[in-house]
Amino acid sequence: MFSFTTTDRADVHTAVMYAFGEANERLETSLAFDQVRERLRAVGFYAPVDDDGLTRTLAQLVKWKLLDVVQNHAGSYATAEEYERKNLQYSLTRRGEAAFAGVQHALAVLSSSGALQTAVLDAIVDRLGELGELLGNDDPTVNRRIFTTLQELEGHLDALRNNTKQFNGELQRLMRAEGADLTTFNEVKSATVAYLQEFVTNLDVRADTIRVALGEVEERGVSVLHRRALDGAELPPVQGTDPAAAWLSARAVKWEGLRLWFRPEDGTPRVRQLHDVARRAIVSLLQVLDRITESRRRSSSAAADFRVLARWFANAPSDDDAHRLWGTAFGLASARHAHLAHADAEPIPTGAGWQETPSVQVSALLRTSGRTERMGRTGGVRDVQALRAERKERARRERAEMEAAWQRLATGGPIRLSSFARLEHDTLKRLLDLLGRALAARPGSDGGRRALTTDGRIEVLLRPARDGRTAVLRTPRGRFSGPDYLVDIRFTAASPAGSREAAGA
């Protein structure tokens, strides 16, 4: 069907097809040989074409079944040559009309740009409202208006669908464009984002209005609408087939498409997806802009940097120079003292920073020779008695400090958090740990929050203060402020202190 656009004489073939298309616009059903030549100039084809070339072109189009040729016996001809040339009348076949329409549509798509138009949504609302009013009138003369209104509604739906697809495609091509100028792309991005924001504004309101109007029309009956529109269409009779069945089937497909966009039986309406399209477009545009900005900021890529470094390694005069280049480029040589460990590193947390951990003895020889100590004979087994005693003393001291902190924090009943007034820093840390456990617990029916320590020895009950007061706790390192909760901290019955308190009572 489209062979006339791919041959070496495609320009002449296409110009002849446009000449016949122009004739159809003027309601001229056929053209003679001389009329075809005149029409070529009318469509803007001024290349010289002799009679033999034009005859071959027309014959080729007839062979492709794009043109039909008949003899005109009603004409008068002065010579046999004139009869041979003028008695033939050419006209477009249905295949030729379809081919010409396809080329025009392809050129229109190439030259057009997609759009998200709120005016189309408003027009759909107006047409649905008009159909609802017309269906309420039983006068048969209204059927023509129903037909034209239904045609307009379908045209608006096709425009919405095609423009949305085309706009999304153009947006993807814009984001894939390589070598885009940063200033130009920034302007396009800003304008596109503003355009999308304007379209999305009140989109939900418009979609809901269309859904309601569509439901009102469907309550009157879609089949009734299509039958009355068919009566108003006044379709011409076609030999051998009934055009009404095909027309009604096409209308049903169009109406189902309208439902999918605005009122589907199950699932999300397609018009809701426009929100997602707009959000993805905005995010993608910003990502592409960041990529372009980053590419402008870097003079070369990481791959190019590694290639240059590889050439430097290949041209290094010696292995020592290559090692120095490695150390300079990557800086992966470890510090000479990083492998040293504390004598008792087991109780030191692995995540603790160097400033928070005990210092390590570094040999004086490390600075001069790079060694921690002189190499000699193997030393004897280390005596760990002192280390064990140090660990035992440290554990006893930590337990004593913890017991003292719990004793200071035990309230014996509900008190205000501000009653603690001044605390040691470590005691405040333990208090904050208890408060954090309580606040993380689900509140009870009375609004209180209850929590236990990990070992189950300490129980805290926290209730919110109703007066909105603020508690200020001071420590040697500063002060802490927060809501003045009602706090009840006590030892549980399972703990030794709790057992002693129960015995004393």
Protein backbone atom coordinates (compact mmCIF):
# COMPACT_ATOMS: atom_id res chain seq x y z
CA MET A 1 0.00 0.00 0.00
CA PHE A 2 2.85 2.41 0.76
CA SER A 3 5.28 1.26 -1.95
CA PHE A 4 4.98 4.62 -3.69
CA THR A 5 6.98 6.23 -0.85
CA THR A 6 10.01 3.89 -1.09
CA THR A 7 10.97 3.79 -4.79
CA ASP A 8 13.60 5.85 -6.58
CA ARG A 9 10.73 7.90 -8.06
CA ALA A 10 9.01 8.38 -4.70
CA ASP A 11 8.87 12.15 -5.14
CA VAL A 12 6.83 11.93 -8.34
CA HIS A 13 4.62 9.13 -7.00
CA THR A 14 3.89 11.05 -3.80
CA ALA A 15 3.18 14.28 -5.68
CA VAL A 16 0.64 12.48 -7.91
CA MET A 17 -1.06 10.99 -4.84
CA TYR A 18 -1.25 14.46 -3.30
CA ALA A 19 -2.74 15.77 -6.55
CA PHE A 20 -5.55 13.22 -6.33
CA GLY A 21 -6.00 13.96 -2.62
CA GLU A 22 -6.36 17.66 -3.43
CA ALA A 23 -8.94 16.77 -6.07
CA ASN A 24 -10.91 14.77 -3.52
CA GLU A 25 -10.95 17.81 -1.25
CA ARG A 26 -12.58 19.70 -4.14
CA LEU A 27 -15.06 16.83 -4.68
CA GLU A 28 -13.54 15.97 -8.06
CA THR A 29 -13.86 12.22 -8.39
CA SER A 30 -11.54 11.74 -11.38
CA LEU A 31 -8.76 13.50 -13.22
CA ALA A 32 -7.59 13.28 -16.79
CA PHE A 33 -3.96 13.25 -17.87
CA ASP A 34 -3.68 17.03 -18.39
CA GLN A 35 -5.54 17.71 -15.16
CA VAL A 36 -3.04 15.57 -13.25
CA ARG A 37 -0.19 17.67 -14.69
CA GLU A 38 -1.92 20.88 -13.62
CA ARG A 39 -2.55 19.52 -10.13
CA LEU A 40 1.14 18.73 -9.73
CA ARG A 41 1.93 22.41 -9.90
CA ALA A 42 -0.91 23.18 -7.49
CA VAL A 43 0.58 20.89 -4.82
CA GLY A 44 4.02 22.48 -5.21
CA PHE A 45 5.79 19.95 -7.47
CA TYR A 46 7.67 21.90 -10.16
CA ALA A 47 10.23 19.30 -11.26
CA PRO A 48 10.10 18.65 -15.03
CA VAL A 49 8.16 15.50 -15.90
CA ASP A 50 7.62 14.50 -19.54
CA ASP A 51 4.49 12.82 -20.80
CA ASP A 52 6.09 9.39 -20.94
CA GLY A 53 7.33 9.68 -17.34
CA LEU A 54 3.93 10.79 -16.08
CA THR A 55 2.24 7.99 -18.01
CA ARG A 56 4.55 5.41 -16.44
CA THR A 57 3.89 6.90 -12.99
CA LEU A 58 0.12 6.66 -13.43
CA ALA A 59 0.43 3.12 -14.76
CA GLN A 60 2.55 2.10 -11.77
CA LEU A 61 0.02 3.53 -9.32
CA VAL A 62 -2.72 1.63 -11.13
CA LYS A 63 -0.63 -1.53 -10.85
CA TRP A 64 -0.34 -0.99 -7.08
CA LYS A 65 -4.15 -0.65 -6.99
CA LEU A 66 -3.91 2.86 -5.64
CA LEU A 67 -5.58 4.39 -8.73
CA ASP A 68 -8.44 3.20 -10.86
CA VAL A 69 -8.58 4.00 -14.61
CA VAL A 70 -11.63 4.10 -16.88
CA GLN A 71 -12.25 5.37 -20.41
CA ASN A 72 -14.24 8.53 -21.03
CA HIS A 73 -16.34 7.85 -24.12
CA ALA A 74 -18.33 11.06 -23.77
CA GLY A 75 -15.47 13.33 -24.74
CA SER A 76 -14.62 14.67 -28.19
CA TYR A 77 -11.10 14.24 -29.56
CA ALA A 78 -9.56 15.87 -32.61
CA THR A 79 -6.75 13.42 -33.24
CA ALA A 80 -5.89 9.83 -32.43
CA GLU A 81 -2.99 11.01 -30.26
CA GLU A 82 -5.34 13.23 -28.29
CA TYR A 83 -7.72 10.29 -27.85
CA GLU A 84 -4.91 8.06 -26.57
CA ARG A 85 -3.96 10.63 -23.95
CA LYS A 86 -7.29 12.17 -22.88
CA ASN A 87 -9.78 9.33 -22.96
CA LEU A 88 -8.42 7.84 -19.70
CA GLN A 89 -9.85 9.06 -16.38
CA TYR A 90 -7.99 8.28 -13.15
CA SER A 91 -9.45 8.22 -9.64
CA LEU A 92 -8.34 7.07 -6.18
CA THR A 93 -9.38 3.61 -5.06
CA ARG A 94 -10.29 2.82 -1.45
CA ARG A 95 -6.80 1.42 -1.10
CA GLY A 96 -5.38 4.65 -2.50
CA GLU A 97 -7.49 6.79 -0.15
CA ALA A 98 -6.25 4.73 2.80
CA ALA A 99 -2.62 5.03 1.68
CA PHE A 100 -2.90 8.79 1.21
CA ALA A 101 -4.60 9.18 4.61
CA GLY A 102 -1.87 7.06 6.23
CA VAL A 103 0.90 9.28 4.84
CA GLN A 104 -0.91 12.40 5.96
CA HIS A 105 -1.38 10.97 9.44
CA ALA A 106 2.29 9.99 9.69
CA LEU A 107 3.40 13.49 8.69
CA ALA A 108 0.92 15.03 11.14
CA VAL A 109 2.29 12.92 14.00
CA LEU A 110 5.87 13.84 13.10
CA SER A 111 5.08 17.55 13.06
CA SER A 112 2.80 17.63 16.11
CA SER A 113 3.62 17.63 19.80
CA GLY A 114 1.76 15.91 22.61
CA ALA A 115 -0.04 17.87 25.29
CA LEU A 116 -1.90 17.40 28.55
CA GLN A 117 -4.90 19.65 28.08
CA THR A 118 -7.39 20.46 30.81
CA ALA A 119 -9.67 21.93 28.14
CA VAL A 120 -10.23 18.41 26.76
CA LEU A 121 -11.40 17.22 30.20
CA ASP A 122 -13.78 20.17 30.46
CA ALA A 123 -15.10 19.43 26.95
CA ILE A 124 -15.76 15.78 27.93
CA VAL A 125 -17.76 16.98 30.93
CA ASP A 126 -19.81 19.34 28.73
CA ARG A 127 -20.57 16.67 26.11
CA LEU A 128 -21.62 14.12 28.75
CA GLY A 129 -23.89 16.68 30.38
CA GLU A 130 -25.40 17.53 26.99
CA LEU A 131 -26.01 13.84 26.22
CA GLY A 132 -27.77 13.41 29.55
CA GLU A 133 -30.12 16.29 28.74
CA LEU A 134 -30.78 15.08 25.18
CA LEU A 135 -31.60 11.55 26.32
CA GLY A 136 -34.34 13.01 28.51
CA ASN A 137 -36.06 14.35 25.38
CA ASP A 138 -38.03 11.66 23.46
CA ASP A 139 -38.44 13.78 20.34
CA PRO A 140 -36.98 11.82 17.34
CA THR A 141 -35.61 15.02 15.84
CA VAL A 142 -33.15 15.22 18.76
CA ASN A 143 -31.41 12.05 17.56
CA ARG A 144 -29.27 14.03 15.12
CA ARG A 145 -27.93 16.17 17.95
CA ILE A 146 -27.29 13.02 19.99
CA PHE A 147 -25.24 11.64 17.09
CA THR A 148 -23.14 14.78 16.66
CA THR A 149 -22.62 15.16 20.41
CA LEU A 150 -21.52 11.53 20.70
CA GLN A 151 -19.07 12.03 17.82
CA GLU A 152 -17.61 15.08 19.56
CA LEU A 153 -17.28 13.12 22.83
CA GLU A 154 -15.40 10.30 21.10
CA GLY A 155 -13.17 12.82 19.36
CA HIS A 156 -12.24 14.45 22.69
CA LEU A 157 -11.47 11.04 24.20
CA ASP A 158 -9.20 10.16 21.26
CA ALA A 159 -7.45 13.51 21.61
CA LEU A 160 -6.89 12.95 25.33
CA ARG A 161 -5.50 9.44 24.80
CA ASN A 162 -3.28 10.30 21.83
CA ASN A 163 -1.94 13.53 23.31
CA THR A 164 -1.11 11.80 26.60
CA LYS A 165 0.80 9.00 24.87
CA GLN A 166 2.62 11.41 22.57
CA PHE A 167 3.53 13.77 25.42
CA ASN A 168 4.91 10.88 27.48
CA GLY A 169 6.95 9.66 24.48
CA GLU A 170 8.38 13.12 23.82
CA LEU A 171 9.25 13.45 27.49
CA GLN A 172 11.17 10.17 27.43
CA ARG A 173 13.04 11.24 24.29
CA LEU A 174 13.89 14.55 25.96
CA MET A 175 15.39 12.75 28.95
CA ARG A 176 17.38 10.41 26.69
CA ALA A 177 18.79 13.25 24.63
CA GLU A 178 22.57 13.29 24.79
CA GLY A 179 24.65 16.42 24.51
CA ALA A 180 21.82 18.72 25.54
CA ASP A 181 22.89 22.24 26.41
CA LEU A 182 22.60 22.83 30.16
CA THR A 183 20.97 26.27 29.87
CA THR A 184 18.50 25.15 27.22
CA PHE A 185 17.59 21.99 29.10
CA ASN A 186 17.13 23.94 32.34
CA GLU A 187 14.68 26.27 30.60
CA VAL A 188 12.79 23.34 29.06
CA LYS A 189 12.74 21.54 32.41
CA SER A 190 11.37 24.54 34.27
CA ALA A 191 8.68 25.15 31.67
CA THR A 192 7.72 21.45 31.60
CA VAL A 193 7.50 21.20 35.38
CA ALA A 194 5.29 24.30 35.52
CA TYR A 195 3.15 22.87 32.71
CA LEU A 196 2.71 19.57 34.58
CA GLN A 197 1.84 21.31 37.84
CA GLU A 198 -0.81 23.40 36.10
CA PHE A 199 -2.36 20.29 34.53
CA VAL A 200 -2.39 18.27 37.77
CA THR A 201 -4.08 21.11 39.67
CA ASN A 202 -7.75 20.19 40.24
CA LEU A 203 -7.32 17.04 38.12
CA ASP A 204 -9.09 14.97 40.78
CA VAL A 205 -12.05 17.36 40.79
CA ARG A 206 -12.38 17.20 37.01
CA ALA A 207 -12.07 13.39 37.02
CA ASP A 208 -14.79 13.06 39.67
CA THR A 209 -17.08 15.38 37.71
CA ILE A 210 -16.65 13.27 34.57
CA ARG A 211 -17.29 10.08 36.55
CA VAL A 212 -20.56 11.46 37.94
CA ALA A 213 -21.71 12.70 34.51
CA LEU A 214 -20.80 9.35 32.96
CA GLY A 215 -22.85 7.53 35.59
CA GLU A 216 -25.89 9.72 34.88
CA VAL A 217 -25.73 8.89 31.16
CA GLU A 218 -25.36 5.18 31.87
CA GLU A 219 -28.42 5.26 34.14
CA ARG A 220 -30.49 6.31 31.09
CA GLY A 221 -29.03 3.38 29.12
CA VAL A 222 -25.98 3.19 26.87
CA SER A 223 -27.82 0.96 24.41
CA VAL A 224 -30.58 3.56 24.15
CA LEU A 225 -27.96 6.24 23.52
CA HIS A 226 -26.33 4.24 20.72
CA ARG A 227 -29.64 3.33 19.06
CA ARG A 228 -30.79 6.94 18.99
CA ALA A 229 -27.36 8.05 17.74
CA LEU A 230 -27.59 5.41 15.00
CA ASP A 231 -30.94 6.80 13.96
CA GLY A 232 -29.45 10.30 13.85
CA ALA A 233 -26.38 9.14 11.91
CA GLU A 234 -28.49 8.36 8.82
CA LEU A 235 -25.98 5.84 7.47
CA PRO A 236 -26.17 5.25 3.72
CA PRO A 237 -27.07 1.74 2.54
CA VAL A 238 -24.16 -0.53 1.60
CA GLN A 239 -24.60 -3.35 -0.85
CA GLY A 240 -24.31 -6.79 0.68
CA THR A 241 -23.73 -5.74 4.33
CA ASP A 242 -25.58 -3.88 7.04
CA PRO A 243 -23.46 -0.93 8.28
CA ALA A 244 -25.49 -0.59 11.48
CA ALA A 245 -23.94 -3.62 13.22
CA ALA A 246 -20.36 -2.48 12.59
CA TRP A 247 -21.23 1.08 13.62
CA LEU A 248 -22.80 -0.02 16.92
CA SER A 249 -19.83 -2.30 17.64
CA ALA A 250 -17.42 0.60 17.12
CA ARG A 251 -19.49 2.81 19.44
CA ALA A 252 -19.46 0.12 22.16
CA VAL A 253 -15.65 -0.10 21.96
CA LYS A 254 -15.34 3.67 22.26
CA TRP A 255 -17.68 3.78 25.26
CA GLU A 256 -15.73 1.02 27.00
CA GLY A 257 -12.58 3.06 26.48
CA LEU A 258 -14.30 6.04 28.10
CA ARG A 259 -15.22 3.87 31.08
CA LEU A 260 -11.63 2.62 31.44
CA TRP A 261 -10.43 6.19 31.64
CA PHE A 262 -12.94 7.53 34.16
CA ARG A 263 -15.28 4.86 35.61
CA PRO A 264 -13.91 1.30 35.44
CA GLU A 265 -15.78 -1.46 37.20
CA ASP A 266 -12.62 -2.61 38.96
CA GLY A 267 -9.13 -1.18 39.16
CA THR A 268 -7.76 2.37 38.98
CA PRO A 269 -9.05 4.82 36.34
CA ARG A 270 -6.45 5.71 33.77
CA VAL A 271 -6.95 9.38 34.44
CA ARG A 272 -5.56 8.78 37.95
CA GLN A 273 -2.37 7.51 36.36
CA LEU A 274 -1.75 10.99 34.99
CA HIS A 275 -0.74 11.99 38.52
CA ASP A 276 1.93 9.28 38.49
CA VAL A 277 3.04 10.34 35.01
CA ALA A 278 3.46 13.93 36.19
CA ARG A 279 5.38 12.94 39.34
CA ARG A 280 7.69 10.57 37.46
CA ALA A 281 8.28 13.23 34.83
CA ILE A 282 9.28 15.84 37.41
CA VAL A 283 11.62 13.46 39.23
CA SER A 284 13.16 12.21 35.97
CA LEU A 285 13.74 15.73 34.70
CA LEU A 286 15.52 16.68 37.90
CA GLN A 287 17.66 13.53 37.70
CA VAL A 288 18.65 14.25 34.11
CA LEU A 289 19.50 17.83 35.05
CA ASP A 290 21.71 16.57 37.89
CA ARG A 291 23.42 14.17 35.49
CA ILE A 292 24.10 16.95 32.98
CA THR A 293 25.38 19.21 35.76
CA GLU A 294 27.68 16.48 37.05
CA SER A 295 29.02 15.77 33.57
CA ARG A 296 29.80 19.48 33.13
CA ARG A 297 31.53 19.58 36.53
CA ARG A 298 33.87 16.63 35.88
CA SER A 299 36.51 17.19 33.25
CA SER A 300 36.95 13.44 32.80
CA SER A 301 35.35 10.22 33.88
CA ALA A 302 36.69 7.66 36.36
CA ALA A 303 37.43 5.28 33.49
CA ALA A 304 39.59 7.92 31.78
CA ASP A 305 41.43 8.58 35.06
CA PHE A 306 42.26 4.89 35.45
CA ARG A 307 43.49 4.68 31.86
CA VAL A 308 45.86 7.60 32.46
CA LEU A 309 47.08 5.99 35.69
CA ALA A 310 47.67 2.71 33.85
CA ARG A 311 49.88 4.51 31.33
CA TRP A 312 51.87 6.04 34.20
CA PHE A 313 52.39 2.60 35.71
CA ALA A 314 53.52 1.22 32.35
CA ASN A 315 56.04 4.04 31.95
CA ALA A 316 57.40 3.90 35.53
CA PRO A 317 61.25 3.66 35.42
CA SER A 318 61.47 1.08 38.23
CA ASP A 319 59.43 -0.96 40.66
CA ASP A 320 60.21 1.49 43.45
CA ASP A 321 58.73 4.30 41.38
CA ALA A 322 55.65 2.17 40.69
CA HIS A 323 55.24 1.53 44.43
CA ARG A 324 55.53 5.24 45.19
CA LEU A 325 52.95 5.97 42.48
CA TRP A 326 50.63 3.36 44.04
CA GLY A 327 50.95 4.91 47.48
CA THR A 328 50.34 8.41 46.12
CA ALA A 329 47.35 7.47 43.95
CA PHE A 330 45.46 5.23 46.35
CA GLY A 331 46.92 5.90 49.81
CA LEU A 332 46.18 2.32 50.89
CA ALA A 333 49.40 1.80 52.87
CA SER A 334 48.43 1.11 56.46
CA ALA A 335 49.73 3.19 59.35
CA ARG A 336 52.68 1.47 61.02
CA HIS A 337 51.09 1.55 64.47
CA ALA A 338 47.53 0.58 63.39
CA HIS A 339 48.21 -3.10 64.08
CA LEU A 340 49.05 -2.46 67.75
CA ALA A 341 46.40 -3.56 70.24
CA HIS A 342 45.68 -2.85 73.88
CA ALA A 343 46.99 -5.33 76.40
CA ASP A 344 43.40 -6.13 77.43
CA ALA A 345 41.30 -5.27 74.38
CA GLU A 346 38.45 -7.67 75.17
CA PRO A 347 36.28 -5.28 77.26
CA ILE A 348 36.73 -2.41 74.77
CA PRO A 349 33.71 -2.11 72.40
CA THR A 350 34.57 -2.62 68.74
CA GLY A 351 32.58 0.45 67.70
CA ALA A 352 34.28 2.82 70.13
CA GLY A 353 36.32 5.66 68.67
CA TRP A 354 40.04 6.04 69.28
CA GLN A 355 39.50 9.05 71.51
CA GLU A 356 37.23 7.04 73.79
CA THR A 357 39.57 4.02 74.22
CA PRO A 358 42.69 3.65 76.39
CA SER A 359 45.99 4.60 74.80
CA VAL A 360 48.44 2.01 73.46
CA GLN A 361 52.14 1.99 74.20
CA VAL A 362 54.15 2.64 71.04
CA SER A 363 57.80 1.66 70.87
CA ALA A 364 60.33 4.46 70.52
CA LEU A 365 61.96 2.52 67.68
CA LEU A 366 58.84 2.79 65.54
CA ARG A 367 59.61 6.35 64.50
CA THR A 368 63.20 5.74 63.47
CA SER A 369 63.33 2.17 62.15
CA GLY A 370 59.67 1.32 61.54
CA ARG A 371 59.81 -1.55 64.04
CA THR A 372 58.00 -1.82 67.33
CA GLU A 373 60.85 -3.61 69.10
CA ARG A 374 64.18 -5.24 68.46
CA MET A 375 64.02 -8.79 67.28
CA GLY A 376 65.42 -11.21 69.84
CA ARG A 377 64.77 -14.59 71.29
CA THR A 378 61.27 -15.79 71.94
CA GLY A 379 59.88 -14.40 75.17
CA GLY A 380 58.41 -16.47 77.97
CA VAL A 381 54.75 -17.02 78.67
CA ARG A 382 53.15 -13.80 79.87
CA ASP A 383 51.99 -13.68 83.49
CA VAL A 384 48.28 -12.77 83.44
CA GLN A 385 47.72 -12.67 87.20
CA ALA A 386 47.91 -8.89 87.27
CA LEU A 387 45.58 -8.66 84.28
CA ARG A 388 43.02 -10.89 86.00
CA ALA A 389 43.20 -8.85 89.15
CA GLU A 390 42.71 -5.66 87.15
CA ARG A 391 39.66 -7.10 85.41
CA LYS A 392 38.18 -8.27 88.68
CA GLU A 393 38.71 -4.89 90.31
CA ARG A 394 37.22 -3.10 87.29
CA ALA A 395 34.14 -5.36 87.31
CA ARG A 396 33.67 -4.83 91.07
CA ARG A 397 33.95 -1.07 90.63
CA GLU A 398 31.47 -1.02 87.77
CA ARG A 399 28.96 -3.10 89.76
CA ALA A 400 29.33 -0.77 92.73
CA GLU A 401 28.81 2.27 90.55
CA MET A 402 25.75 0.70 88.95
CA GLU A 403 24.25 -0.26 92.33
CA ALA A 404 24.86 3.24 93.63
CA ALA A 405 23.22 4.75 90.57
CA TRP A 406 20.14 2.53 90.92
CA GLN A 407 19.92 3.40 94.62
CA ARG A 408 20.02 7.11 93.79
CA LEU A 409 17.39 6.71 91.10
CA ALA A 410 14.99 4.55 93.13
CA THR A 411 12.06 6.83 93.98
CA GLY A 412 9.98 4.66 96.29
CA GLY A 413 6.86 6.10 94.69
CA PRO A 414 5.73 8.55 91.98
CA ILE A 415 7.72 11.78 91.88
CA ARG A 416 8.28 14.55 89.40
CA LEU A 417 11.22 14.19 87.04
CA SER A 418 12.34 17.65 88.12
CA SER A 419 12.81 16.30 91.68
CA PHE A 420 16.16 14.77 90.66
CA ALA A 421 17.47 18.34 90.16
CA ARG A 422 21.20 17.52 89.91
CA LEU A 423 22.80 14.21 88.93
CA GLU A 424 26.14 12.83 87.94
CA HIS A 425 26.59 12.42 84.23
CA ASP A 426 26.66 8.59 84.30
CA THR A 427 23.56 8.52 86.52
CA LEU A 428 21.75 10.78 84.05
CA LYS A 429 22.65 8.37 81.24
CA ARG A 430 21.05 5.50 83.16
CA LEU A 431 17.98 7.61 83.89
CA LEU A 432 17.60 8.53 80.22
CA ASP A 433 17.93 4.85 79.30
CA LEU A 434 15.04 4.03 81.64
CA LEU A 435 12.92 6.88 80.26
CA GLY A 436 13.64 5.73 76.70
CA ARG A 437 12.52 2.19 77.50
CA ALA A 438 9.30 3.47 79.03
CA LEU A 439 8.50 5.84 76.18
CA ALA A 440 9.03 3.00 73.69
CA ALA A 441 6.43 0.86 75.47
CA ARG A 442 2.74 0.93 74.59
CA PRO A 443 0.69 3.07 77.04
CA GLY A 444 -1.77 1.28 79.29
CA SER A 445 -5.45 2.04 79.86
CA ASP A 446 -4.53 4.71 82.43
CA GLY A 447 -2.00 6.35 80.08
CA GLY A 448 1.03 5.07 81.99
CA ARG A 449 3.98 3.36 80.32
CA ARG A 450 5.78 0.50 82.07
CA ALA A 451 9.19 -1.01 81.23
CA LEU A 452 11.95 -3.17 82.74
CA THR A 453 15.70 -3.14 82.37
CA THR A 454 17.36 -5.95 80.42
CA ASP A 455 18.16 -7.96 83.56
CA GLY A 456 14.65 -7.37 84.97
CA ARG A 457 15.92 -5.80 88.20
CA ILE A 458 14.58 -2.29 87.75
CA GLU A 459 11.03 -1.32 86.82
CA VAL A 460 10.00 2.16 85.70
CA LEU A 461 6.46 3.52 85.46
CA LEU A 462 6.05 6.75 83.52
CA ARG A 463 2.95 8.93 83.43
CA PRO A 464 2.57 12.19 81.48
CA ALA A 465 2.31 15.42 83.39
CA ARG A 466 -1.01 17.14 82.91
CA ASP A 467 0.18 20.67 83.67
CA GLY A 468 2.76 20.86 80.84
CA ARG A 469 5.67 21.79 83.13
CA THR A 470 9.29 21.40 82.03
CA ALA A 471 11.93 19.57 84.05
CA VAL A 472 15.57 20.79 84.06
CA LEU A 473 18.27 18.36 85.25
CA ARG A 474 21.83 19.59 85.74
CA THR A 475 25.06 17.61 85.48
CA PRO A 476 28.73 18.58 85.61
CA ARG A 477 28.70 18.59 81.78
CA GLY A 478 25.61 20.75 81.24
CA ARG A 479 21.88 20.53 81.69
CA PHE A 480 19.01 18.50 80.26
CA SER A 481 15.43 19.73 79.84
CA GLY A 482 12.25 17.91 78.92
CA PRO A 483 8.64 17.23 79.96
CA ASP A 484 8.20 16.95 83.68
CA TYR A 485 6.88 13.36 83.77
CA LEU A 486 5.66 11.52 86.87
CA VAL A 487 8.32 8.83 87.41
CA ASP A 488 8.17 5.76 89.62
CA ILE A 489 11.45 3.77 89.66
CA ARG A 490 11.73 0.75 91.94
CA PHE A 491 13.52 -2.57 92.30
CA THR A 492 11.50 -5.63 91.37
CA ALA A 493 10.78 -8.42 93.84
CA ALA A 494 13.24 -10.70 91.99
CA SER A 495 16.22 -8.43 92.67
CA PRO A 496 18.29 -8.62 95.88
CA ALA A 497 17.43 -5.05 96.81
CA GLY A 498 13.76 -5.74 96.28
CA SER A 499 13.95 -8.81 98.50
CA ARG A 500 15.62 -6.81 101.26
CA GLU A 501 13.00 -4.12 101.03
CA ALA A 502 10.23 -6.70 101.25
CA ALA A 503 11.89 -8.34 104.31
CA GLY A 504 12.28 -4.98 106.03
CA ALA A 505 8.66 -4.18 105.45
